[in-house]
All heavy atoms as atom14 arrays in JSON, in Angstrom:
{
  "sequence": "AMLLIAPDRLAQELVRLDAAGFTVKMHAVGDRAIQVGLDAIAAARA",
  "atom14_mask": [
    [1, 1, 1, 1, 1, 0, 0, 0, 0, 0, 0, 0, 0, 0],
    [1, 1, 1, 1, 1, 1, 1, 1, 0, 0, 0, 0, 0, 0],
    [1, 1, 1, 1, 1, 1, 1, 1, 0, 0, 0, 0, 0, 0],
    [1, 1, 1, 1, 1, 1, 1, 1, 0, 0, 0, 0, 0, 0],
    [1, 1, 1, 1, 1, 1, 1, 1, 0, 0, 0, 0, 0, 0],
    [1, 1, 1, 1, 1, 0, 0, 0, 0, 0, 0, 0, 0, 0],
    [1, 1, 1, 1, 1, 1, 1, 0, 0, 0, 0, 0, 0, 0],
    [1, 1, 1, 1, 1, 1, 1, 1, 0, 0, 0, 0, 0, 0],
    [1, 1, 1, 1, 1, 1, 1, 1, 1, 1, 1, 0, 0, 0],
    [1, 1, 1, 1, 1, 1, 1, 1, 0, 0, 0, 0, 0, 0],
    [1, 1, 1, 1, 1, 0, 0, 0, 0, 0, 0, 0, 0, 0],
    [1, 1, 1, 1, 1, 1, 1, 1, 1, 0, 0, 0, 0, 0],
    [1, 1, 1, 1, 1, 1, 1, 1, 1, 0, 0, 0, 0, 0],
    [1, 1, 1, 1, 1, 1, 1, 1, 0, 0, 0, 0, 0, 0],
    [1, 1, 1, 1, 1, 1, 1, 0, 0, 0, 0, 0, 0, 0],
    [1, 1, 1, 1, 1, 1, 1, 1, 1, 1, 1, 0, 0, 0],
    [1, 1, 1, 1, 1, 1, 1, 1, 0, 0, 0, 0, 0, 0],
    [1, 1, 1, 1, 1, 1, 1, 1, 0, 0, 0, 0, 0, 0],
    [1, 1, 1, 1, 1, 0, 0, 0, 0, 0, 0, 0, 0, 0],
    [1, 1, 1, 1, 1, 0, 0, 0, 0, 0, 0, 0, 0, 0],
    [1, 1, 1, 1, 0, 0, 0, 0, 0, 0, 0, 0, 0, 0],
    [1, 1, 1, 1, 1, 1, 1, 1, 1, 1, 1, 0, 0, 0],
    [1, 1, 1, 1, 1, 1, 1, 0, 0, 0, 0, 0, 0, 0],
    [1, 1, 1, 1, 1, 1, 1, 0, 0, 0, 0, 0, 0, 0],
    [1, 1, 1, 1, 1, 1, 1, 1, 1, 0, 0, 0, 0, 0],
    [1, 1, 1, 1, 1, 1, 1, 1, 0, 0, 0, 0, 0, 0],
    [1, 1, 1, 1, 1, 1, 1, 1, 1, 1, 0, 0, 0, 0],
    [1, 1, 1, 1, 1, 0, 0, 0, 0, 0, 0, 0, 0, 0],
    [1, 1, 1, 1, 1, 1, 1, 0, 0, 0, 0, 0, 0, 0],
    [1, 1, 1, 1, 0, 0, 0, 0, 0, 0, 0, 0, 0, 0],
    [1, 1, 1, 1, 1, 1, 1, 1, 0, 0, 0, 0, 0, 0],
    [1, 1, 1, 1, 1, 1, 1, 1, 1, 1, 1, 0, 0, 0],
    [1, 1, 1, 1, 1, 0, 0, 0, 0, 0, 0, 0, 0, 0],
    [1, 1, 1, 1, 1, 1, 1, 1, 0, 0, 0, 0, 0, 0],
    [1, 1, 1, 1, 1, 1, 1, 1, 1, 0, 0, 0, 0, 0],
    [1, 1, 1, 1, 1, 1, 1, 0, 0, 0, 0, 0, 0, 0],
    [1, 1, 1, 1, 0, 0, 0, 0, 0, 0, 0, 0, 0, 0],
    [1, 1, 1, 1, 1, 1, 1, 1, 0, 0, 0, 0, 0, 0],
    [1, 1, 1, 1, 1, 1, 1, 1, 0, 0, 0, 0, 0, 0],
    [1, 1, 1, 1, 1, 0, 0, 0, 0, 0, 0, 0, 0, 0],
    [1, 1, 1, 1, 1, 1, 1, 1, 0, 0, 0, 0, 0, 0],
    [1, 1, 1, 1, 1, 0, 0, 0, 0, 0, 0, 0, 0, 0],
    [1, 1, 1, 1, 1, 0, 0, 0, 0, 0, 0, 0, 0, 0],
    [1, 1, 1, 1, 1, 0, 0, 0, 0, 0, 0, 0, 0, 0],
    [1, 1, 1, 1, 1, 1, 1, 1, 1, 1, 1, 0, 0, 0],
    [1, 1, 1, 1, 1, 0, 0, 0, 0, 0, 0, 0, 0, 0]
  ],
  "atom14_positions": [
    [[-4.24, -15.92, -23.63], [-5.67, -15.97, -23.15], [-5.98, -14.92, -22.16], [-7.04, -14.45, -22.07], [-6.0, -17.38, -22.82], [0.0, 0.0, 0.0], [0.0, 0.0, 0.0], [0.0, 0.0, 0.0], [0.0, 0.0, 0.0], [0.0, 0.0, 0.0], [0.0, 0.0, 0.0], [0.0, 0.0, 0.0], [0.0, 0.0, 0.0], [0.0, 0.0, 0.0]],
    [[-4.99, -14.6, -21.28], [-5.23, -13.76, -20.11], [-4.85, -12.32, -20.32], [-4.94, -11.45, -19.5], [-4.52, -14.26, -18.8], [-5.12, -15.54, -18.35], [-6.84, -15.33, -17.79], [-7.25, -17.06, -17.54], [0.0, 0.0, 0.0], [0.0, 0.0, 0.0], [0.0, 0.0, 0.0], [0.0, 0.0, 0.0], [0.0, 0.0, 0.0], [0.0, 0.0, 0.0]],
    [[-4.28, -12.05, -21.57], [-3.96, -10.7, -21.85], [-5.24, -9.84, -22.07], [-6.09, -10.22, -22.73], [-3.16, -10.68, -23.2], [-1.76, -11.19, -23.09], [-1.12, -11.14, -24.47], [-0.87, -10.49, -22.07], [0.0, 0.0, 0.0], [0.0, 0.0, 0.0], [0.0, 0.0, 0.0], [0.0, 0.0, 0.0], [0.0, 0.0, 0.0], [0.0, 0.0, 0.0]],
    [[-5.26, -8.69, -21.38], [-6.43, -7.79, -21.52], [-6.36, -6.98, -22.8], [-7.39, -6.37, -23.14], [-6.51, -6.88, -20.29], [-6.69, -7.67, -18.91], [-6.58, -6.71, -17.87], [-8.02, -8.34, -18.88], [0.0, 0.0, 0.0], [0.0, 0.0, 0.0], [0.0, 0.0, 0.0], [0.0, 0.0, 0.0], [0.0, 0.0, 0.0], [0.0, 0.0, 0.0]],
    [[-5.16, -6.86, -23.32], [-4.98, -6.06, -24.56], [-4.18, -6.88, -25.59], [-3.05, -7.39, -25.18], [-4.33, -4.71, -24.44], [-4.92, -3.79, -23.3], [-4.15, -3.89, -25.64], [-4.2, -2.65, -22.94], [0.0, 0.0, 0.0], [0.0, 0.0, 0.0], [0.0, 0.0, 0.0], [0.0, 0.0, 0.0], [0.0, 0.0, 0.0], [0.0, 0.0, 0.0]],
    [[-4.66, -7.1, -26.82], [-3.91, -8.03, -27.7], [-2.58, -7.29, -28.05], [-2.46, -6.06, -28.08], [-4.72, -8.1, -28.97], [0.0, 0.0, 0.0], [0.0, 0.0, 0.0], [0.0, 0.0, 0.0], [0.0, 0.0, 0.0], [0.0, 0.0, 0.0], [0.0, 0.0, 0.0], [0.0, 0.0, 0.0], [0.0, 0.0, 0.0], [0.0, 0.0, 0.0]],
    [[-1.61, -8.11, -28.27], [-0.3, -7.53, -28.53], [-0.19, -6.51, -29.64], [0.46, -5.45, -29.48], [0.63, -8.74, -28.87], [-0.05, -9.89, -28.08], [-1.52, -9.59, -28.23], [0.0, 0.0, 0.0], [0.0, 0.0, 0.0], [0.0, 0.0, 0.0], [0.0, 0.0, 0.0], [0.0, 0.0, 0.0], [0.0, 0.0, 0.0], [0.0, 0.0, 0.0]],
    [[-0.88, -6.69, -30.69], [-0.89, -5.76, -31.82], [-1.52, -4.48, -31.37], [-0.95, -3.33, -31.73], [-1.61, -6.33, -33.09], [-0.87, -7.4, -33.71], [0.34, -7.62, -33.52], [-1.44, -8.13, -34.66], [0.0, 0.0, 0.0], [0.0, 0.0, 0.0], [0.0, 0.0, 0.0], [0.0, 0.0, 0.0], [0.0, 0.0, 0.0], [0.0, 0.0, 0.0]],
    [[-2.71, -4.47, -30.71], [-3.26, -3.39, -30.14], [-2.43, -2.55, -29.14], [-2.27, -1.35, -29.25], [-4.64, -3.6, -29.58], [-5.38, -2.6, -28.82], [-5.89, -1.41, -29.75], [-6.43, -0.27, -29.12], [-7.67, -0.11, -28.76], [-8.55, -1.05, -29.02], [-8.12, 1.0, -28.18], [0.0, 0.0, 0.0], [0.0, 0.0, 0.0], [0.0, 0.0, 0.0]],
    [[-1.75, -3.36, -28.34], [-0.84, -2.69, -27.31], [0.24, -1.93, -28.07], [0.58, -0.78, -27.64], [-0.35, -3.76, -26.46], [0.68, -3.28, -25.34], [-0.05, -2.3, -24.39], [1.16, -4.38, -24.59], [0.0, 0.0, 0.0], [0.0, 0.0, 0.0], [0.0, 0.0, 0.0], [0.0, 0.0, 0.0], [0.0, 0.0, 0.0], [0.0, 0.0, 0.0]],
    [[0.78, -2.56, -28.99], [2.01, -1.83, -29.77], [1.47, -0.57, -30.32], [2.18, 0.49, -30.31], [2.57, -2.8, -30.85], [0.0, 0.0, 0.0], [0.0, 0.0, 0.0], [0.0, 0.0, 0.0], [0.0, 0.0, 0.0], [0.0, 0.0, 0.0], [0.0, 0.0, 0.0], [0.0, 0.0, 0.0], [0.0, 0.0, 0.0], [0.0, 0.0, 0.0]],
    [[0.26, -0.64, -30.88], [-0.34, 0.56, -31.49], [-0.44, 1.75, -30.39], [-0.22, 2.88, -30.67], [-1.69, 0.35, -32.13], [-1.49, -0.43, -33.43], [-2.84, -1.13, -33.93], [-3.82, -0.57, -33.45], [-2.8, -1.97, -34.84], [0.0, 0.0, 0.0], [0.0, 0.0, 0.0], [0.0, 0.0, 0.0], [0.0, 0.0, 0.0], [0.0, 0.0, 0.0]],
    [[-0.98, 1.27, -29.15], [-1.2, 2.16, -28.1], [0.08, 2.91, -27.62], [0.18, 4.02, -27.38], [-1.96, 1.45, -27.05], [-3.32, 1.23, -27.22], [-4.14, 2.41, -27.36], [-3.96, 3.41, -26.62], [-5.09, 2.47, -28.14], [0.0, 0.0, 0.0], [0.0, 0.0, 0.0], [0.0, 0.0, 0.0], [0.0, 0.0, 0.0], [0.0, 0.0, 0.0]],
    [[1.13, 2.02, -27.54], [2.36, 2.63, -27.05], [3.0, 3.68, -28.08], [3.47, 4.63, -27.65], [3.46, 1.54, -26.83], [3.56, 1.06, -25.23], [4.31, 2.19, -24.53], [2.29, 0.76, -24.64], [0.0, 0.0, 0.0], [0.0, 0.0, 0.0], [0.0, 0.0, 0.0], [0.0, 0.0, 0.0], [0.0, 0.0, 0.0], [0.0, 0.0, 0.0]],
    [[2.9, 3.3, -29.31], [3.32, 4.23, -30.33], [2.59, 5.57, -30.18], [3.22, 6.64, -30.22], [3.23, 3.61, -31.74], [3.43, 4.63, -32.8], [4.16, 2.46, -31.89], [0.0, 0.0, 0.0], [0.0, 0.0, 0.0], [0.0, 0.0, 0.0], [0.0, 0.0, 0.0], [0.0, 0.0, 0.0], [0.0, 0.0, 0.0], [0.0, 0.0, 0.0]],
    [[1.31, 5.34, -29.98], [0.37, 6.61, -30.03], [0.6, 7.51, -28.72], [0.78, 8.65, -28.75], [-1.08, 6.1, -29.94], [-1.89, 6.96, -30.99], [-3.32, 6.47, -30.97], [-4.29, 7.57, -31.02], [-5.54, 7.46, -30.82], [-6.05, 6.32, -30.4], [-6.31, 8.5, -30.88], [0.0, 0.0, 0.0], [0.0, 0.0, 0.0], [0.0, 0.0, 0.0]],
    [[0.72, 6.71, -27.66], [0.91, 7.55, -26.34], [2.27, 8.15, -26.25], [2.44, 9.21, -25.63], [0.63, 6.48, -25.19], [-0.87, 6.16, -24.91], [-0.88, 4.91, -24.04], [-1.63, 7.29, -24.28], [0.0, 0.0, 0.0], [0.0, 0.0, 0.0], [0.0, 0.0, 0.0], [0.0, 0.0, 0.0], [0.0, 0.0, 0.0], [0.0, 0.0, 0.0]],
    [[3.25, 7.38, -26.69], [4.6, 7.86, -26.72], [4.68, 9.16, -27.58], [5.28, 10.25, -27.24], [5.6, 6.79, -27.23], [7.01, 7.24, -27.34], [7.66, 7.25, -26.26], [7.46, 7.67, -28.38], [0.0, 0.0, 0.0], [0.0, 0.0, 0.0], [0.0, 0.0, 0.0], [0.0, 0.0, 0.0], [0.0, 0.0, 0.0], [0.0, 0.0, 0.0]],
    [[4.06, 9.03, -28.75], [4.09, 10.32, -29.58], [3.32, 11.4, -29.01], [3.61, 12.6, -29.31], [3.43, 9.94, -31.0], [0.0, 0.0, 0.0], [0.0, 0.0, 0.0], [0.0, 0.0, 0.0], [0.0, 0.0, 0.0], [0.0, 0.0, 0.0], [0.0, 0.0, 0.0], [0.0, 0.0, 0.0], [0.0, 0.0, 0.0], [0.0, 0.0, 0.0]],
    [[2.39, 11.21, -28.25], [1.58, 12.21, -27.47], [2.26, 12.81, -26.28], [1.75, 13.63, -25.67], [0.14, 11.66, -27.27], [0.0, 0.0, 0.0], [0.0, 0.0, 0.0], [0.0, 0.0, 0.0], [0.0, 0.0, 0.0], [0.0, 0.0, 0.0], [0.0, 0.0, 0.0], [0.0, 0.0, 0.0], [0.0, 0.0, 0.0], [0.0, 0.0, 0.0]],
    [[3.44, 12.21, -25.97], [4.15, 12.74, -24.79], [3.74, 12.08, -23.39], [4.18, 12.67, -22.39], [0.0, 0.0, 0.0], [0.0, 0.0, 0.0], [0.0, 0.0, 0.0], [0.0, 0.0, 0.0], [0.0, 0.0, 0.0], [0.0, 0.0, 0.0], [0.0, 0.0, 0.0], [0.0, 0.0, 0.0], [0.0, 0.0, 0.0], [0.0, 0.0, 0.0]],
    [[3.1, 10.94, -23.38], [2.76, 10.29, -22.17], [3.75, 9.26, -21.81], [4.17, 8.48, -22.64], [1.35, 9.62, -22.31], [0.26, 10.61, -22.19], [-0.43, 10.97, -23.38], [-0.26, 11.0, -21.04], [-1.58, 11.82, -23.37], [-1.44, 11.79, -21.01], [-1.88, 12.22, -22.17], [0.0, 0.0, 0.0], [0.0, 0.0, 0.0], [0.0, 0.0, 0.0]],
    [[4.28, 9.19, -20.65], [5.01, 8.09, -20.11], [3.98, 7.11, -19.63], [3.12, 7.29, -18.82], [5.87, 8.47, -18.87], [6.84, 9.48, -19.31], [6.59, 7.29, -18.33], [0.0, 0.0, 0.0], [0.0, 0.0, 0.0], [0.0, 0.0, 0.0], [0.0, 0.0, 0.0], [0.0, 0.0, 0.0], [0.0, 0.0, 0.0], [0.0, 0.0, 0.0]],
    [[4.08, 5.85, -20.14], [3.14, 4.71, -19.9], [3.61, 3.83, -18.88], [4.65, 3.3, -18.92], [2.8, 4.03, -21.26], [1.69, 3.06, -21.04], [2.44, 4.99, -22.38], [0.0, 0.0, 0.0], [0.0, 0.0, 0.0], [0.0, 0.0, 0.0], [0.0, 0.0, 0.0], [0.0, 0.0, 0.0], [0.0, 0.0, 0.0], [0.0, 0.0, 0.0]],
    [[2.68, 3.63, -17.84], [2.87, 2.44, -16.99], [1.9, 1.33, -17.23], [0.72, 1.59, -17.32], [2.61, 3.05, -15.48], [2.87, 2.01, -14.43], [2.41, 2.41, -13.18], [3.3, 3.54, -12.41], [4.54, 3.05, -11.86], [0.0, 0.0, 0.0], [0.0, 0.0, 0.0], [0.0, 0.0, 0.0], [0.0, 0.0, 0.0], [0.0, 0.0, 0.0]],
    [[2.48, 0.18, -17.47], [1.68, -1.02, -17.89], [1.64, -1.95, -16.72], [2.63, -2.54, -16.39], [2.29, -1.64, -19.14], [2.0, -0.83, -20.34], [2.94, -1.47, -21.8], [4.64, -0.73, -21.49], [0.0, 0.0, 0.0], [0.0, 0.0, 0.0], [0.0, 0.0, 0.0], [0.0, 0.0, 0.0], [0.0, 0.0, 0.0], [0.0, 0.0, 0.0]],
    [[0.44, -2.32, -16.2], [0.27, -3.38, -15.22], [0.62, -4.7, -15.99], [-0.05, -5.02, -16.88], [-1.15, -3.37, -14.69], [-1.49, -4.66, -14.0], [-1.8, -4.63, -12.61], [-1.61, -5.97, -14.3], [-2.04, -5.79, -12.11], [-2.03, -6.64, -13.14], [0.0, 0.0, 0.0], [0.0, 0.0, 0.0], [0.0, 0.0, 0.0], [0.0, 0.0, 0.0]],
    [[1.7, -5.41, -15.46], [2.0, -6.61, -16.1], [2.7, -7.57, -14.98], [3.75, -7.12, -14.44], [3.02, -6.43, -17.16], [0.0, 0.0, 0.0], [0.0, 0.0, 0.0], [0.0, 0.0, 0.0], [0.0, 0.0, 0.0], [0.0, 0.0, 0.0], [0.0, 0.0, 0.0], [0.0, 0.0, 0.0], [0.0, 0.0, 0.0], [0.0, 0.0, 0.0]],
    [[1.96, -8.64, -14.64], [2.52, -9.45, -13.59], [3.13, -10.67, -14.14], [4.21, -11.05, -13.76], [1.37, -9.83, -12.59], [1.73, -10.81, -11.64], [0.75, -8.55, -11.99], [0.0, 0.0, 0.0], [0.0, 0.0, 0.0], [0.0, 0.0, 0.0], [0.0, 0.0, 0.0], [0.0, 0.0, 0.0], [0.0, 0.0, 0.0], [0.0, 0.0, 0.0]],
    [[2.47, -11.44, -15.02], [2.91, -12.64, -15.61], [4.0, -12.35, -16.6], [4.08, -11.29, -17.25], [0.0, 0.0, 0.0], [0.0, 0.0, 0.0], [0.0, 0.0, 0.0], [0.0, 0.0, 0.0], [0.0, 0.0, 0.0], [0.0, 0.0, 0.0], [0.0, 0.0, 0.0], [0.0, 0.0, 0.0], [0.0, 0.0, 0.0], [0.0, 0.0, 0.0]],
    [[4.9, -13.39, -16.81], [6.03, -13.13, -17.81], [5.64, -12.81, -19.17], [6.26, -12.17, -19.95], [7.06, -14.34, -17.62], [6.49, -15.71, -18.02], [5.24, -15.8, -18.39], [7.26, -16.64, -17.75], [0.0, 0.0, 0.0], [0.0, 0.0, 0.0], [0.0, 0.0, 0.0], [0.0, 0.0, 0.0], [0.0, 0.0, 0.0], [0.0, 0.0, 0.0]],
    [[4.47, -13.5, -19.58], [3.94, -13.2, -20.97], [3.55, -11.71, -21.14], [3.84, -10.99, -22.06], [2.85, -14.17, -21.31], [2.2, -13.86, -22.64], [3.18, -13.94, -23.89], [2.54, -13.58, -25.12], [3.15, -13.26, -26.23], [4.57, -12.89, -26.28], [2.5, -12.97, -27.32], [0.0, 0.0, 0.0], [0.0, 0.0, 0.0], [0.0, 0.0, 0.0]],
    [[2.81, -11.21, -20.09], [2.4, -9.77, -20.16], [3.65, -8.99, -20.11], [3.62, -7.88, -20.76], [1.54, -9.55, -18.88], [0.0, 0.0, 0.0], [0.0, 0.0, 0.0], [0.0, 0.0, 0.0], [0.0, 0.0, 0.0], [0.0, 0.0, 0.0], [0.0, 0.0, 0.0], [0.0, 0.0, 0.0], [0.0, 0.0, 0.0], [0.0, 0.0, 0.0]],
    [[4.61, -9.21, -19.35], [5.74, -8.4, -19.24], [6.53, -8.39, -20.64], [6.99, -7.42, -21.19], [6.77, -8.82, -18.16], [6.13, -8.52, -16.84], [8.24, -8.27, -18.22], [6.73, -9.11, -15.59], [0.0, 0.0, 0.0], [0.0, 0.0, 0.0], [0.0, 0.0, 0.0], [0.0, 0.0, 0.0], [0.0, 0.0, 0.0], [0.0, 0.0, 0.0]],
    [[6.61, -9.56, -21.28], [7.14, -9.68, -22.52], [6.51, -8.87, -23.61], [7.19, -8.12, -24.39], [7.17, -11.1, -23.03], [7.78, -11.47, -24.47], [7.55, -12.96, -24.89], [6.8, -13.66, -24.27], [8.11, -13.23, -26.05], [0.0, 0.0, 0.0], [0.0, 0.0, 0.0], [0.0, 0.0, 0.0], [0.0, 0.0, 0.0], [0.0, 0.0, 0.0]],
    [[5.12, -8.91, -23.67], [4.53, -8.05, -24.67], [4.5, -6.6, -24.32], [4.51, -5.71, -25.21], [2.99, -8.57, -24.86], [2.91, -10.1, -25.31], [2.11, -8.38, -23.63], [0.0, 0.0, 0.0], [0.0, 0.0, 0.0], [0.0, 0.0, 0.0], [0.0, 0.0, 0.0], [0.0, 0.0, 0.0], [0.0, 0.0, 0.0], [0.0, 0.0, 0.0]],
    [[4.58, -6.27, -23.09], [4.86, -4.88, -22.72], [6.14, -4.35, -23.19], [6.17, -3.2, -23.78], [0.0, 0.0, 0.0], [0.0, 0.0, 0.0], [0.0, 0.0, 0.0], [0.0, 0.0, 0.0], [0.0, 0.0, 0.0], [0.0, 0.0, 0.0], [0.0, 0.0, 0.0], [0.0, 0.0, 0.0], [0.0, 0.0, 0.0], [0.0, 0.0, 0.0]],
    [[7.2, -5.09, -23.11], [8.41, -4.69, -23.6], [8.46, -4.66, -25.12], [9.06, -3.81, -25.76], [9.61, -5.7, -23.12], [9.93, -5.57, -21.63], [10.76, -6.73, -21.12], [10.55, -4.26, -21.26], [0.0, 0.0, 0.0], [0.0, 0.0, 0.0], [0.0, 0.0, 0.0], [0.0, 0.0, 0.0], [0.0, 0.0, 0.0], [0.0, 0.0, 0.0]],
    [[7.76, -5.65, -25.65], [7.57, -5.59, -27.17], [7.0, -4.27, -27.67], [7.27, -3.7, -28.68], [6.77, -6.79, -27.62], [7.5, -8.13, -27.46], [8.69, -8.16, -27.33], [6.8, -9.21, -27.67], [0.0, 0.0, 0.0], [0.0, 0.0, 0.0], [0.0, 0.0, 0.0], [0.0, 0.0, 0.0], [0.0, 0.0, 0.0], [0.0, 0.0, 0.0]],
    [[5.97, -3.96, -26.93], [5.26, -2.66, -27.26], [6.13, -1.35, -27.18], [6.16, -0.41, -27.93], [3.98, -2.54, -26.43], [0.0, 0.0, 0.0], [0.0, 0.0, 0.0], [0.0, 0.0, 0.0], [0.0, 0.0, 0.0], [0.0, 0.0, 0.0], [0.0, 0.0, 0.0], [0.0, 0.0, 0.0], [0.0, 0.0, 0.0], [0.0, 0.0, 0.0]],
    [[6.98, -1.39, -26.11], [7.98, -0.32, -25.9], [8.9, -0.33, -27.04], [9.25, 0.76, -27.62], [8.73, -0.39, -24.62], [7.71, -0.23, -23.42], [9.85, 0.66, -24.56], [8.25, -0.44, -22.09], [0.0, 0.0, 0.0], [0.0, 0.0, 0.0], [0.0, 0.0, 0.0], [0.0, 0.0, 0.0], [0.0, 0.0, 0.0], [0.0, 0.0, 0.0]],
    [[9.34, -1.47, -27.51], [10.3, -1.65, -28.64], [9.52, -1.04, -29.91], [10.28, -0.38, -30.7], [10.72, -3.08, -28.83], [0.0, 0.0, 0.0], [0.0, 0.0, 0.0], [0.0, 0.0, 0.0], [0.0, 0.0, 0.0], [0.0, 0.0, 0.0], [0.0, 0.0, 0.0], [0.0, 0.0, 0.0], [0.0, 0.0, 0.0], [0.0, 0.0, 0.0]],
    [[8.24, -1.33, -30.05], [7.62, -0.77, -31.27], [7.56, 0.7, -31.17], [7.66, 1.31, -32.25], [6.12, -1.33, -31.28], [0.0, 0.0, 0.0], [0.0, 0.0, 0.0], [0.0, 0.0, 0.0], [0.0, 0.0, 0.0], [0.0, 0.0, 0.0], [0.0, 0.0, 0.0], [0.0, 0.0, 0.0], [0.0, 0.0, 0.0], [0.0, 0.0, 0.0]],
    [[7.3, 1.34, -29.99], [7.3, 2.81, -29.82], [8.67, 3.34, -30.22], [8.79, 4.35, -30.82], [6.9, 3.16, -28.49], [0.0, 0.0, 0.0], [0.0, 0.0, 0.0], [0.0, 0.0, 0.0], [0.0, 0.0, 0.0], [0.0, 0.0, 0.0], [0.0, 0.0, 0.0], [0.0, 0.0, 0.0], [0.0, 0.0, 0.0], [0.0, 0.0, 0.0]],
    [[9.7, 2.69, -29.82], [11.01, 3.18, -30.16], [11.33, 3.17, -31.64], [11.89, 4.01, -32.15], [12.08, 2.4, -29.3], [12.02, 2.36, -27.85], [12.41, 3.76, -27.25], [12.53, 3.64, -25.76], [11.68, 4.44, -25.1], [10.73, 5.22, -25.57], [11.7, 4.38, -23.7], [0.0, 0.0, 0.0], [0.0, 0.0, 0.0], [0.0, 0.0, 0.0]],
    [[10.93, 2.04, -32.31], [11.09, 1.81, -33.69], [10.32, 2.89, -34.54], [10.86, 3.46, -35.44], [10.7, 0.39, -34.11], [0.0, 0.0, 0.0], [0.0, 0.0, 0.0], [0.0, 0.0, 0.0], [0.0, 0.0, 0.0], [0.0, 0.0, 0.0], [0.0, 0.0, 0.0], [0.0, 0.0, 0.0], [0.0, 0.0, 0.0], [0.0, 0.0, 0.0]]
  ]
}
């Protein structure tokens, strides 16, 4: 409920930004935000 970006959209963003050559810094304080941030990095790697 407190996520500012839905997990699916976030994964798409990381894939796109990674492909464009940007190193992404994601503000993530709560453990759920950190979890989905890592999930998005995993999506970019895949």
